[in-house]
Amino acid sequence: MTLYLVEDDRQERTKEQVSEILERIATLASKSQGELIEALIGEREGRLFLIIKALDRASLEQVLENAGLSWQLIKEMRLIGQDLATVRERKDKANYLVQWNLPPGLTMETYLQRKAEKTPLYAQVPEVSFERTYVCEDLSKCLCFYDSPDEAAVKRAREVVGAPIDSLTSIENIHP
C-alpha cells in the first residue's frame, strides 16, 4: 500500500458537498483495500488536501473518478514524524499547513538526516506543536502540519529549524 497526496480546488462546492464527496471516497477506497487517512481544506483559498492509502495510482484514480472528484495533483508520499495510527488519533490537532518546495538535488537520506537534527529545536517555540510531515517520494515538496495559536508562531518555529515556507495555510480537518 502506498500513501498519496491528492490536491484539488473546492470549485465553488459547499462544505456539505465536499463532505459528501469525501464520504464516497472513503467508502470506495475501503472497498478497494484503501483508506482515506485525512482530508483537510485550506480555510482561505478552499484547496483540498487528501491523504489516501491505496494499492496503486490507477486504483486511486478510479476511486476519485467514481466519487466525482477531479484533481490537480496526485503524488506518492512518505509519512514522517508519526505513524498512521497516531495520525488517525491526532489529525484534528493540526490547524496549519506549511508547504515547502524542496531544492533540486536533495536526497531522501539527506532530508531525513537534516529533519532528525533540526526537529528538537521546535522546543524553542513551545506554543507550537509540530505534528507530522508528508514528503513527496519524488522530493518535489513536503507538507508539514502544525498545531499553533497563529501564523506568526508557525513562522517562528520554521525560522528556529531553518526551514523555508513556500506557502502557509490555515486548515480545517473534514470528517466524511
N, C-alpha and C. Protein backbone atom coordinates (compact mmCIF):
# COMPACT_ATOMS: atom_id res chain seq x y z
N MET A 1 0.84 -1.19 0.00
CA MET A 1 0.00 0.00 0.00
C MET A 1 0.88 1.24 0.00
N THR A 2 0.40 2.23 -0.68
CA THR A 2 1.14 3.48 -0.84
C THR A 2 0.28 4.64 -0.35
N LEU A 3 0.92 5.63 0.26
CA LEU A 3 0.22 6.87 0.63
C LEU A 3 0.30 7.84 -0.53
N TYR A 4 -0.81 8.52 -0.78
CA TYR A 4 -0.87 9.51 -1.85
C TYR A 4 -1.42 10.82 -1.31
N LEU A 5 -0.87 11.90 -1.83
CA LEU A 5 -1.44 13.23 -1.64
C LEU A 5 -2.29 13.52 -2.86
N VAL A 6 -3.51 13.97 -2.63
CA VAL A 6 -4.39 14.42 -3.70
C VAL A 6 -4.75 15.87 -3.37
N GLU A 7 -4.53 16.76 -4.34
CA GLU A 7 -4.91 18.16 -4.15
C GLU A 7 -5.94 18.54 -5.19
N ASP A 8 -6.91 19.33 -4.76
CA ASP A 8 -7.97 19.79 -5.65
C ASP A 8 -8.50 21.11 -5.13
N ASP A 9 -8.94 21.96 -6.03
CA ASP A 9 -9.64 23.18 -5.63
C ASP A 9 -11.09 22.82 -5.35
N ARG A 10 -11.67 23.49 -4.39
CA ARG A 10 -13.04 23.18 -3.99
C ARG A 10 -14.05 23.47 -5.09
N GLN A 11 -13.72 24.34 -6.00
CA GLN A 11 -14.55 24.64 -7.18
C GLN A 11 -15.98 25.03 -6.81
N GLU A 12 -16.11 25.99 -5.94
CA GLU A 12 -17.43 26.53 -5.57
C GLU A 12 -18.33 25.51 -4.88
N ARG A 13 -17.79 24.41 -4.43
CA ARG A 13 -18.60 23.44 -3.69
C ARG A 13 -18.75 23.91 -2.25
N THR A 14 -19.89 23.62 -1.68
CA THR A 14 -20.09 23.91 -0.26
C THR A 14 -19.35 22.85 0.57
N LYS A 15 -19.18 23.13 1.85
CA LYS A 15 -18.55 22.14 2.72
C LYS A 15 -19.38 20.85 2.77
N GLU A 16 -20.70 21.00 2.69
CA GLU A 16 -21.57 19.82 2.70
C GLU A 16 -21.33 18.97 1.45
N GLN A 17 -21.19 19.62 0.29
CA GLN A 17 -20.92 18.88 -0.95
C GLN A 17 -19.55 18.20 -0.88
N VAL A 18 -18.58 18.90 -0.33
CA VAL A 18 -17.25 18.31 -0.17
C VAL A 18 -17.33 17.10 0.77
N SER A 19 -18.07 17.22 1.86
CA SER A 19 -18.23 16.10 2.80
C SER A 19 -18.87 14.90 2.13
N GLU A 20 -19.86 15.14 1.27
CA GLU A 20 -20.50 14.03 0.54
C GLU A 20 -19.50 13.33 -0.38
N ILE A 21 -18.69 14.09 -1.08
CA ILE A 21 -17.67 13.50 -1.95
C ILE A 21 -16.67 12.70 -1.12
N LEU A 22 -16.28 13.25 0.02
CA LEU A 22 -15.33 12.55 0.89
C LEU A 22 -15.92 11.25 1.44
N GLU A 23 -17.21 11.26 1.75
CA GLU A 23 -17.86 10.02 2.19
C GLU A 23 -17.79 8.96 1.10
N ARG A 24 -18.04 9.39 -0.15
CA ARG A 24 -17.95 8.44 -1.27
C ARG A 24 -16.52 7.94 -1.44
N ILE A 25 -15.55 8.85 -1.32
CA ILE A 25 -14.14 8.44 -1.44
C ILE A 25 -13.80 7.42 -0.36
N ALA A 26 -14.19 7.70 0.89
CA ALA A 26 -13.88 6.78 2.00
C ALA A 26 -14.50 5.41 1.76
N THR A 27 -15.75 5.38 1.31
CA THR A 27 -16.43 4.11 1.05
C THR A 27 -15.78 3.36 -0.09
N LEU A 28 -15.53 4.06 -1.20
CA LEU A 28 -14.93 3.41 -2.37
C LEU A 28 -13.50 2.96 -2.10
N ALA A 29 -12.76 3.77 -1.36
CA ALA A 29 -11.38 3.40 -1.04
C ALA A 29 -11.35 2.12 -0.20
N SER A 30 -12.23 2.03 0.79
CA SER A 30 -12.23 0.83 1.64
C SER A 30 -12.62 -0.41 0.84
N LYS A 31 -13.49 -0.25 -0.15
CA LYS A 31 -13.87 -1.40 -0.99
C LYS A 31 -12.72 -1.87 -1.87
N SER A 32 -11.75 -0.98 -2.12
CA SER A 32 -10.60 -1.37 -2.94
C SER A 32 -9.34 -1.52 -2.07
N GLN A 33 -9.53 -1.85 -0.80
CA GLN A 33 -8.46 -2.10 0.17
C GLN A 33 -7.66 -0.85 0.51
N GLY A 34 -8.22 0.32 0.25
CA GLY A 34 -7.54 1.57 0.57
C GLY A 34 -8.19 2.25 1.76
N GLU A 35 -7.77 3.49 2.01
CA GLU A 35 -8.31 4.24 3.15
C GLU A 35 -8.08 5.73 2.95
N LEU A 36 -9.12 6.51 3.23
CA LEU A 36 -8.96 7.96 3.32
C LEU A 36 -8.40 8.24 4.71
N ILE A 37 -7.14 8.63 4.77
CA ILE A 37 -6.46 8.85 6.05
C ILE A 37 -6.87 10.19 6.65
N GLU A 38 -6.76 11.25 5.86
CA GLU A 38 -7.19 12.56 6.34
C GLU A 38 -7.57 13.44 5.17
N ALA A 39 -8.47 14.37 5.47
CA ALA A 39 -8.96 15.32 4.48
C ALA A 39 -8.96 16.69 5.12
N LEU A 40 -8.28 17.62 4.47
CA LEU A 40 -8.15 18.97 5.01
C LEU A 40 -8.52 19.98 3.94
N ILE A 41 -9.00 21.11 4.40
CA ILE A 41 -9.33 22.18 3.47
C ILE A 41 -8.65 23.45 3.94
N GLY A 42 -8.01 24.15 3.00
CA GLY A 42 -7.42 25.44 3.30
C GLY A 42 -8.54 26.44 3.52
N GLU A 43 -8.54 27.11 4.66
CA GLU A 43 -9.67 27.96 5.02
C GLU A 43 -9.81 29.19 4.14
N ARG A 44 -8.71 29.72 3.61
CA ARG A 44 -8.81 30.93 2.79
C ARG A 44 -9.11 30.62 1.33
N GLU A 45 -8.33 29.73 0.74
CA GLU A 45 -8.48 29.50 -0.69
C GLU A 45 -9.32 28.28 -1.03
N GLY A 46 -9.70 27.50 -0.05
CA GLY A 46 -10.58 26.37 -0.30
C GLY A 46 -9.93 25.18 -0.96
N ARG A 47 -8.62 25.11 -0.94
CA ARG A 47 -7.92 23.98 -1.56
C ARG A 47 -8.07 22.74 -0.68
N LEU A 48 -8.36 21.60 -1.31
CA LEU A 48 -8.48 20.33 -0.60
C LEU A 48 -7.15 19.61 -0.61
N PHE A 49 -6.81 19.03 0.52
CA PHE A 49 -5.62 18.19 0.66
C PHE A 49 -6.09 16.86 1.22
N LEU A 50 -5.96 15.80 0.45
CA LEU A 50 -6.36 14.48 0.89
C LEU A 50 -5.14 13.59 0.99
N ILE A 51 -5.07 12.80 2.04
CA ILE A 51 -4.06 11.76 2.17
C ILE A 51 -4.82 10.44 2.12
N ILE A 52 -4.49 9.65 1.10
CA ILE A 52 -5.22 8.40 0.84
C ILE A 52 -4.22 7.26 0.70
N LYS A 53 -4.53 6.16 1.36
CA LYS A 53 -3.74 4.94 1.20
C LYS A 53 -4.43 4.11 0.13
N ALA A 54 -3.65 3.69 -0.89
CA ALA A 54 -4.23 2.93 -2.00
C ALA A 54 -3.23 1.89 -2.50
N LEU A 55 -3.76 0.89 -3.19
CA LEU A 55 -2.90 -0.15 -3.75
C LEU A 55 -1.94 0.42 -4.77
N ASP A 56 -2.45 1.31 -5.63
CA ASP A 56 -1.62 1.93 -6.66
C ASP A 56 -2.34 3.16 -7.19
N ARG A 57 -1.67 3.90 -8.03
CA ARG A 57 -2.25 5.14 -8.55
C ARG A 57 -3.50 4.88 -9.38
N ALA A 58 -3.49 3.82 -10.18
CA ALA A 58 -4.65 3.53 -11.03
C ALA A 58 -5.90 3.28 -10.18
N SER A 59 -5.77 2.50 -9.10
CA SER A 59 -6.94 2.26 -8.25
C SER A 59 -7.38 3.53 -7.54
N LEU A 60 -6.43 4.37 -7.16
CA LEU A 60 -6.77 5.66 -6.54
C LEU A 60 -7.54 6.54 -7.52
N GLU A 61 -7.05 6.66 -8.74
CA GLU A 61 -7.74 7.48 -9.74
C GLU A 61 -9.16 6.98 -9.98
N GLN A 62 -9.34 5.67 -9.99
CA GLN A 62 -10.68 5.09 -10.18
C GLN A 62 -11.60 5.48 -9.03
N VAL A 63 -11.08 5.42 -7.80
CA VAL A 63 -11.86 5.82 -6.63
C VAL A 63 -12.27 7.29 -6.76
N LEU A 64 -11.33 8.15 -7.09
CA LEU A 64 -11.62 9.59 -7.20
C LEU A 64 -12.64 9.87 -8.29
N GLU A 65 -12.47 9.24 -9.45
CA GLU A 65 -13.42 9.44 -10.56
C GLU A 65 -14.81 8.98 -10.17
N ASN A 66 -14.91 7.80 -9.56
CA ASN A 66 -16.22 7.26 -9.17
C ASN A 66 -16.88 8.09 -8.07
N ALA A 67 -16.07 8.77 -7.27
CA ALA A 67 -16.60 9.63 -6.20
C ALA A 67 -16.97 11.02 -6.71
N GLY A 68 -16.56 11.34 -7.94
CA GLY A 68 -16.89 12.64 -8.51
C GLY A 68 -15.91 13.74 -8.17
N LEU A 69 -14.66 13.38 -7.88
CA LEU A 69 -13.65 14.39 -7.55
C LEU A 69 -12.61 14.46 -8.66
N SER A 70 -12.46 15.65 -9.20
CA SER A 70 -11.34 15.88 -10.12
C SER A 70 -10.14 16.24 -9.25
N TRP A 71 -8.97 16.34 -9.84
CA TRP A 71 -7.80 16.67 -9.04
C TRP A 71 -6.79 17.42 -9.89
N GLN A 72 -5.98 18.22 -9.22
CA GLN A 72 -4.88 18.92 -9.88
C GLN A 72 -3.56 18.20 -9.68
N LEU A 73 -3.47 17.42 -8.59
CA LEU A 73 -2.19 16.81 -8.25
C LEU A 73 -2.41 15.49 -7.52
N ILE A 74 -1.63 14.49 -7.91
CA ILE A 74 -1.54 13.24 -7.16
C ILE A 74 -0.05 12.92 -7.05
N LYS A 75 0.41 12.70 -5.82
CA LYS A 75 1.83 12.39 -5.58
C LYS A 75 1.94 11.27 -4.55
N GLU A 76 2.89 10.37 -4.76
CA GLU A 76 3.22 9.38 -3.74
C GLU A 76 3.91 10.10 -2.59
N MET A 77 3.51 9.73 -1.36
CA MET A 77 4.02 10.42 -0.18
C MET A 77 4.62 9.43 0.81
N ARG A 78 5.47 9.98 1.66
CA ARG A 78 6.02 9.24 2.80
C ARG A 78 5.68 10.03 4.05
N LEU A 79 5.16 9.36 5.06
CA LEU A 79 4.82 9.99 6.33
C LEU A 79 6.05 10.02 7.22
N ILE A 80 6.34 11.21 7.77
CA ILE A 80 7.50 11.40 8.65
C ILE A 80 6.98 12.00 9.97
N GLY A 81 7.44 11.49 11.09
CA GLY A 81 7.13 12.11 12.38
C GLY A 81 6.01 11.47 13.16
N GLN A 82 5.19 10.66 12.52
CA GLN A 82 4.12 9.92 13.20
C GLN A 82 3.85 8.65 12.40
N ASP A 83 3.22 7.69 13.05
CA ASP A 83 2.74 6.54 12.29
C ASP A 83 1.26 6.77 11.98
N LEU A 84 0.69 5.93 11.11
CA LEU A 84 -0.70 6.14 10.69
C LEU A 84 -1.69 6.06 11.85
N ALA A 85 -1.44 5.19 12.81
CA ALA A 85 -2.34 5.09 13.96
C ALA A 85 -2.38 6.42 14.72
N THR A 86 -1.24 7.05 14.89
CA THR A 86 -1.17 8.34 15.58
C THR A 86 -1.84 9.43 14.76
N VAL A 87 -1.65 9.41 13.44
CA VAL A 87 -2.32 10.39 12.57
C VAL A 87 -3.83 10.27 12.74
N ARG A 88 -4.34 9.06 12.73
CA ARG A 88 -5.79 8.86 12.87
C ARG A 88 -6.30 9.46 14.19
N GLU A 89 -5.52 9.32 15.26
CA GLU A 89 -5.91 9.83 16.57
C GLU A 89 -5.77 11.35 16.68
N ARG A 90 -4.74 11.91 16.04
CA ARG A 90 -4.38 13.31 16.25
C ARG A 90 -4.68 14.22 15.06
N LYS A 91 -5.33 13.72 14.02
CA LYS A 91 -5.46 14.53 12.81
C LYS A 91 -6.21 15.84 13.04
N ASP A 92 -7.07 15.89 14.05
CA ASP A 92 -7.79 17.14 14.34
C ASP A 92 -6.90 18.19 15.00
N LYS A 93 -5.73 17.81 15.47
CA LYS A 93 -4.85 18.74 16.17
C LYS A 93 -4.20 19.76 15.23
N ALA A 94 -3.90 19.36 14.01
CA ALA A 94 -3.21 20.26 13.08
C ALA A 94 -4.17 21.33 12.57
N ASN A 95 -3.71 22.59 12.65
CA ASN A 95 -4.53 23.68 12.12
C ASN A 95 -3.76 24.59 11.16
N TYR A 96 -2.50 24.26 10.90
CA TYR A 96 -1.70 24.98 9.90
C TYR A 96 -0.91 24.00 9.06
N LEU A 97 -0.82 24.32 7.78
CA LEU A 97 -0.06 23.51 6.83
C LEU A 97 0.99 24.39 6.16
N VAL A 98 2.24 23.96 6.23
CA VAL A 98 3.33 24.62 5.53
C VAL A 98 3.73 23.72 4.37
N GLN A 99 3.80 24.31 3.18
CA GLN A 99 4.33 23.60 2.03
C GLN A 99 5.70 24.18 1.71
N TRP A 100 6.64 23.29 1.48
CA TRP A 100 8.00 23.68 1.12
C TRP A 100 8.37 22.92 -0.13
N ASN A 101 8.68 23.66 -1.19
CA ASN A 101 9.16 23.06 -2.43
C ASN A 101 10.64 22.75 -2.23
N LEU A 102 10.96 21.48 -2.12
CA LEU A 102 12.32 21.06 -1.78
C LEU A 102 13.30 21.40 -2.89
N PRO A 103 14.55 21.73 -2.52
CA PRO A 103 15.54 22.13 -3.52
C PRO A 103 15.95 20.94 -4.40
N PRO A 104 16.24 21.22 -5.68
CA PRO A 104 16.69 20.16 -6.58
C PRO A 104 17.97 19.51 -6.04
N GLY A 105 18.10 18.22 -6.27
CA GLY A 105 19.30 17.51 -5.86
C GLY A 105 19.26 16.96 -4.44
N LEU A 106 18.24 17.32 -3.67
CA LEU A 106 18.12 16.82 -2.31
C LEU A 106 17.77 15.33 -2.35
N THR A 107 18.44 14.54 -1.53
CA THR A 107 18.11 13.12 -1.43
C THR A 107 17.23 12.88 -0.20
N MET A 108 16.50 11.79 -0.21
CA MET A 108 15.66 11.46 0.94
C MET A 108 16.54 11.25 2.17
N GLU A 109 17.67 10.61 1.99
CA GLU A 109 18.58 10.36 3.12
C GLU A 109 19.03 11.68 3.75
N THR A 110 19.43 12.64 2.92
CA THR A 110 19.86 13.95 3.42
C THR A 110 18.70 14.67 4.10
N TYR A 111 17.52 14.62 3.49
CA TYR A 111 16.35 15.26 4.07
C TYR A 111 16.05 14.68 5.45
N LEU A 112 16.02 13.36 5.55
CA LEU A 112 15.70 12.71 6.82
C LEU A 112 16.75 12.99 7.89
N GLN A 113 18.01 13.03 7.50
CA GLN A 113 19.08 13.34 8.45
C GLN A 113 18.92 14.76 8.98
N ARG A 114 18.69 15.71 8.08
CA ARG A 114 18.51 17.11 8.48
C ARG A 114 17.28 17.24 9.39
N LYS A 115 16.21 16.56 9.04
CA LYS A 115 14.98 16.62 9.84
C LYS A 115 15.23 16.11 11.26
N ALA A 116 15.95 14.99 11.37
CA ALA A 116 16.26 14.43 12.69
C ALA A 116 17.10 15.39 13.52
N GLU A 117 18.01 16.09 12.88
CA GLU A 117 18.87 17.04 13.60
C GLU A 117 18.10 18.28 14.04
N LYS A 118 17.19 18.76 13.21
CA LYS A 118 16.52 20.04 13.46
C LYS A 118 15.24 19.93 14.29
N THR A 119 14.54 18.80 14.24
CA THR A 119 13.25 18.69 14.92
C THR A 119 13.31 19.03 16.41
N PRO A 120 14.34 18.63 17.16
CA PRO A 120 14.38 19.00 18.58
C PRO A 120 14.37 20.52 18.83
N LEU A 121 14.76 21.30 17.84
CA LEU A 121 14.79 22.76 18.00
C LEU A 121 13.39 23.36 18.14
N TYR A 122 12.36 22.63 17.72
CA TYR A 122 10.99 23.12 17.88
C TYR A 122 10.67 23.42 19.34
N ALA A 123 11.37 22.81 20.27
CA ALA A 123 11.15 23.05 21.71
C ALA A 123 11.36 24.52 22.07
N GLN A 124 12.10 25.26 21.24
CA GLN A 124 12.33 26.68 21.49
C GLN A 124 11.09 27.53 21.23
N VAL A 125 10.09 26.94 20.59
CA VAL A 125 8.82 27.63 20.34
C VAL A 125 7.71 26.74 20.92
N PRO A 126 7.58 26.74 22.26
CA PRO A 126 6.70 25.77 22.92
C PRO A 126 5.22 25.91 22.59
N GLU A 127 4.81 27.08 22.12
CA GLU A 127 3.39 27.26 21.80
C GLU A 127 2.99 26.55 20.52
N VAL A 128 3.97 26.07 19.76
CA VAL A 128 3.72 25.37 18.51
C VAL A 128 4.03 23.89 18.69
N SER A 129 3.12 23.06 18.23
CA SER A 129 3.36 21.62 18.26
C SER A 129 3.52 21.13 16.82
N PHE A 130 4.72 20.64 16.50
CA PHE A 130 4.93 20.03 15.19
C PHE A 130 4.22 18.68 15.22
N GLU A 131 3.34 18.45 14.26
CA GLU A 131 2.56 17.22 14.25
C GLU A 131 3.17 16.15 13.34
N ARG A 132 3.34 16.46 12.06
CA ARG A 132 3.83 15.45 11.12
C ARG A 132 4.21 16.11 9.81
N THR A 133 4.92 15.34 9.00
CA THR A 133 5.30 15.77 7.66
C THR A 133 5.01 14.65 6.68
N TYR A 134 4.51 15.03 5.52
CA TYR A 134 4.43 14.12 4.39
C TYR A 134 5.41 14.64 3.35
N VAL A 135 6.29 13.77 2.87
CA VAL A 135 7.27 14.16 1.86
C VAL A 135 6.94 13.42 0.58
N CYS A 136 6.90 14.15 -0.53
CA CYS A 136 6.70 13.51 -1.83
C CYS A 136 7.87 12.58 -2.11
N GLU A 137 7.59 11.38 -2.56
CA GLU A 137 8.66 10.43 -2.86
C GLU A 137 9.60 10.95 -3.95
N ASP A 138 9.09 11.83 -4.83
CA ASP A 138 9.95 12.42 -5.86
C ASP A 138 10.72 13.63 -5.32
N LEU A 139 10.56 13.92 -4.03
CA LEU A 139 11.23 15.02 -3.34
C LEU A 139 10.95 16.39 -3.95
N SER A 140 9.77 16.55 -4.52
CA SER A 140 9.41 17.85 -5.08
C SER A 140 8.94 18.81 -3.99
N LYS A 141 8.26 18.29 -2.97
CA LYS A 141 7.80 19.16 -1.87
C LYS A 141 7.47 18.32 -0.66
N CYS A 142 7.32 19.04 0.46
CA CYS A 142 6.84 18.39 1.68
C CYS A 142 5.71 19.23 2.26
N LEU A 143 4.85 18.57 2.99
CA LEU A 143 3.74 19.21 3.69
C LEU A 143 3.95 18.98 5.18
N CYS A 144 4.08 20.06 5.93
CA CYS A 144 4.33 19.98 7.37
C CYS A 144 3.11 20.52 8.11
N PHE A 145 2.63 19.75 9.07
CA PHE A 145 1.42 20.09 9.81
C PHE A 145 1.77 20.52 11.23
N TYR A 146 1.11 21.59 11.68
CA TYR A 146 1.37 22.17 13.00
C TYR A 146 0.06 22.44 13.72
N ASP A 147 0.14 22.37 15.05
CA ASP A 147 -0.91 22.86 15.93
C ASP A 147 -0.34 24.14 16.53
N SER A 148 -0.94 25.28 16.19
CA SER A 148 -0.36 26.56 16.58
C SER A 148 -1.45 27.58 16.87
N PRO A 149 -1.16 28.53 17.77
CA PRO A 149 -2.15 29.57 18.05
C PRO A 149 -2.35 30.55 16.88
N ASP A 150 -1.31 30.72 16.03
CA ASP A 150 -1.43 31.65 14.91
C ASP A 150 -0.30 31.44 13.90
N GLU A 151 -0.41 32.14 12.77
CA GLU A 151 0.60 32.03 11.70
C GLU A 151 1.97 32.50 12.16
N ALA A 152 2.00 33.56 12.95
CA ALA A 152 3.28 34.12 13.40
C ALA A 152 4.09 33.07 14.18
N ALA A 153 3.42 32.29 15.00
CA ALA A 153 4.12 31.26 15.77
C ALA A 153 4.67 30.17 14.85
N VAL A 154 3.92 29.80 13.82
CA VAL A 154 4.42 28.80 12.85
C VAL A 154 5.67 29.35 12.16
N LYS A 155 5.62 30.62 11.78
CA LYS A 155 6.79 31.24 11.12
C LYS A 155 8.00 31.24 12.04
N ARG A 156 7.79 31.54 13.33
CA ARG A 156 8.91 31.49 14.29
C ARG A 156 9.48 30.08 14.39
N ALA A 157 8.60 29.09 14.43
CA ALA A 157 9.06 27.70 14.53
C ALA A 157 9.87 27.31 13.30
N ARG A 158 9.43 27.72 12.13
CA ARG A 158 10.16 27.41 10.90
C ARG A 158 11.52 28.11 10.89
N GLU A 159 11.57 29.33 11.40
CA GLU A 159 12.84 30.05 11.48
C GLU A 159 13.82 29.33 12.40
N VAL A 160 13.33 28.84 13.53
CA VAL A 160 14.18 28.15 14.50
C VAL A 160 14.84 26.92 13.88
N VAL A 161 14.10 26.19 13.06
CA VAL A 161 14.67 24.98 12.45
C VAL A 161 15.32 25.26 11.10
N GLY A 162 15.28 26.53 10.67
CA GLY A 162 15.93 26.91 9.42
C GLY A 162 15.26 26.32 8.19
N ALA A 163 13.94 26.22 8.22
CA ALA A 163 13.21 25.63 7.10
C ALA A 163 12.36 26.70 6.42
N PRO A 164 12.44 26.80 5.11
CA PRO A 164 11.66 27.79 4.37
C PRO A 164 10.16 27.49 4.37
N ILE A 165 9.41 28.49 3.97
CA ILE A 165 7.96 28.37 3.79
C ILE A 165 7.66 28.83 2.37
N ASP A 166 7.11 27.94 1.55
CA ASP A 166 6.64 28.36 0.23
C ASP A 166 5.17 28.75 0.28
N SER A 167 4.41 28.12 1.16
CA SER A 167 3.05 28.57 1.44
C SER A 167 2.67 28.14 2.85
N LEU A 168 1.86 28.97 3.48
CA LEU A 168 1.38 28.72 4.84
C LEU A 168 -0.13 28.88 4.80
N THR A 169 -0.84 27.83 5.20
CA THR A 169 -2.28 27.79 5.06
C THR A 169 -2.93 27.38 6.37
N SER A 170 -3.93 28.13 6.78
CA SER A 170 -4.77 27.71 7.90
C SER A 170 -5.68 26.61 7.37
N ILE A 171 -5.76 25.48 8.08
CA ILE A 171 -6.52 24.34 7.58
C ILE A 171 -7.56 23.88 8.58
N GLU A 172 -8.54 23.18 8.05
CA GLU A 172 -9.57 22.55 8.87
C GLU A 172 -9.66 21.09 8.44
N ASN A 173 -9.70 20.20 9.40
CA ASN A 173 -9.86 18.78 9.10
C ASN A 173 -11.33 18.52 8.84
N ILE A 174 -11.62 17.81 7.76
CA ILE A 174 -13.00 17.48 7.41
C ILE A 174 -13.21 15.99 7.62
N HIS A 175 -14.26 15.64 8.33
CA HIS A 175 -14.57 14.22 8.56
C HIS A 175 -15.68 13.81 7.61
N PRO A 176 -15.43 12.78 6.83
CA PRO A 176 -16.51 12.31 5.94
C PRO A 176 -17.60 11.61 6.73
